C-alpha atoms as a PDB file:
ATOM      1  CA  MET A   1      70.471  46.515  37.668  1.00  0.00           C
ATOM      2  CA  TYR A   2      73.902  48.264  38.385  1.00  0.00           C
ATOM      3  CA  ARG A   3      76.864  45.423  38.899  1.00  0.00           C
ATOM      4  CA  TYR A   4      79.747  46.902  41.388  1.00  0.00           C
ATOM      5  CA  ASP A   5      82.971  46.524  39.948  1.00  0.00           C
ATOM      6  CA  GLU A   6      86.426  46.804  41.518  1.00  0.00           C
ATOM      7  CA  PHE A   7      86.333  50.220  41.174  1.00  0.00           C
ATOM      8  CA  ASP A   8      83.311  50.818  43.275  1.00  0.00           C
ATOM      9  CA  HIS A   9      84.575  48.593  45.808  1.00  0.00           C
ATOM     10  CA  ASP A  10      88.050  50.265  45.991  1.00  0.00           C
ATOM     11  CA  PHE A  11      86.246  53.342  46.412  1.00  0.00           C
ATOM     12  CA  VAL A  12      84.096  52.522  49.336  1.00  0.00           C
ATOM     13  CA  GLN A  13      87.093  50.752  50.991  1.00  0.00           C
ATOM     14  CA  ALA A  14      88.697  53.961  51.044  1.00  0.00           C
ATOM     15  CA  ARG A  15      86.105  56.104  51.928  1.00  0.00           C
ATOM     16  CA  VAL A  16      85.508  53.956  55.055  1.00  0.00           C
ATOM     17  CA  ALA A  17      89.366  53.977  55.998  1.00  0.00           C
ATOM     18  CA  GLU A  18      89.235  57.578  55.899  1.00  0.00           C
ATOM     19  CA  PHE A  19      86.609  58.278  57.975  1.00  0.00           C
ATOM     20  CA  SER A  20      87.787  55.337  60.320  1.00  0.00           C
ATOM     21  CA  ASP A  21      91.082  57.353  60.947  1.00  0.00           C
ATOM     22  CA  GLN A  22      88.948  60.507  61.520  1.00  0.00           C
ATOM     23  CA  VAL A  23      87.080  59.029  64.390  1.00  0.00           C
ATOM     24  CA  LYS A  24      90.244  57.455  65.855  1.00  0.00           C
ATOM     25  CA  ARG A  25      91.440  61.153  65.780  1.00  0.00           C
ATOM     26  CA  ARG A  26      88.379  62.374  67.455  1.00  0.00           C
ATOM     27  CA  LEU A  27      88.210  59.821  69.947  1.00  0.00           C
ATOM     28  CA  ALA A  28      91.960  60.617  70.522  1.00  0.00           C
ATOM     29  CA  GLY A  29      91.553  64.014  71.259  1.00  0.00           C
ATOM     30  CA  GLU A  30      93.511  64.871  68.320  1.00  0.00           C
ATOM     31  CA  ILE A  31      90.916  66.928  67.089  1.00  0.00           C
ATOM     32  CA  THR A  32      88.157  68.979  68.449  1.00  0.00           C
ATOM     33  CA  GLU A  33      84.385  68.220  68.073  1.00  0.00           C
ATOM     34  CA  ASP A  34      84.273  71.639  66.105  1.00  0.00           C
ATOM     35  CA  GLN A  35      86.951  70.375  63.924  1.00  0.00           C
ATOM     36  CA  PHE A  36      85.079  66.998  63.733  1.00  0.00           C
ATOM     37  CA  ARG A  37      81.588  68.216  62.978  1.00  0.00           C
ATOM     38  CA  PRO A  38      82.263  69.012  59.335  1.00  0.00           C
ATOM     39  CA  LEU A  39      83.976  65.433  58.487  1.00  0.00           C
ATOM     40  CA  ARG A  40      81.169  63.676  60.333  1.00  0.00           C
ATOM     41  CA  LEU A  41      78.511  65.374  58.485  1.00  0.00           C
ATOM     42  CA  MET A  42      80.180  65.060  55.050  1.00  0.00           C
ATOM     43  CA  ASN A  43      79.829  61.061  56.096  1.00  0.00           C
ATOM     44  CA  GLY A  44      76.160  61.415  56.863  1.00  0.00           C
ATOM     45  CA  VAL A  45      76.518  60.950  60.698  1.00  0.00           C
ATOM     46  CA  TYR A  46      74.189  63.511  62.231  1.00  0.00           C
ATOM     47  CA  LEU A  47      73.726  64.254  66.043  1.00  0.00           C
ATOM     48  CA  GLN A  48      69.909  64.146  67.276  1.00  0.00           C
ATOM     49  CA  LEU A  49      68.873  64.598  70.659  1.00  0.00           C
ATOM     50  CA  HIS A  50      72.293  63.098  72.258  1.00  0.00           C
ATOM     51  CA  ALA A  51      72.259  60.186  70.092  1.00  0.00           C
ATOM     52  CA  TYR A  52      73.821  59.627  66.440  1.00  0.00           C
ATOM     53  CA  MET A  53      71.728  58.983  63.199  1.00  0.00           C
ATOM     54  CA  LEU A  54      73.383  57.605  60.259  1.00  0.00           C
ATOM     55  CA  ARG A  55      72.383  58.464  56.838  1.00  0.00           C
ATOM     56  CA  ILE A  56      72.943  55.486  54.835  1.00  0.00           C
ATOM     57  CA  ALA A  57      73.876  56.463  50.770  1.00  0.00           C
ATOM     58  CA  VAL A  58      72.727  53.690  48.299  1.00  0.00           C
ATOM     59  CA  PRO A  59      74.976  54.041  45.212  1.00  0.00           C
ATOM     60  CA  TYR A  60      72.839  54.247  41.952  1.00  0.00           C
ATOM     61  CA  GLY A  61      69.984  53.590  44.330  1.00  0.00           C
ATOM     62  CA  THR A  62      70.035  49.988  44.214  1.00  0.00           C
ATOM     63  CA  LEU A  63      70.503  47.429  46.793  1.00  0.00           C
ATOM     64  CA  ASN A  64      70.942  43.267  46.698  1.00  0.00           C
ATOM     65  CA  SER A  65      69.494  40.978  49.033  1.00  0.00           C
ATOM     66  CA  ARG A  66      72.896  40.571  50.720  1.00  0.00           C
ATOM     67  CA  GLN A  67      73.156  44.339  51.176  1.00  0.00           C
ATOM     68  CA  LEU A  68      69.687  45.006  52.318  1.00  0.00           C
ATOM     69  CA  ARG A  69      70.172  42.113  55.176  1.00  0.00           C
ATOM     70  CA  MET A  70      73.561  43.686  56.131  1.00  0.00           C
ATOM     71  CA  LEU A  71      71.870  47.006  57.027  1.00  0.00           C
ATOM     72  CA  GLY A  72      69.153  45.168  59.126  1.00  0.00           C
END
């Protein structure tokens, strides 16, 4: 089973911070929905019938029990 290392952790933290900033800018009205759409789609957030769906990426296709419980 793949073991996540410091690179993986840092990469995920950077992506989370980047998308969080994009969401804050959208909520503050700094960017329009049309500008935000490609950003949210690249991050797996889809609008379906007036509600958002989040696509979860599982790096290397493996989850440990702690990660699986976090998703639940």
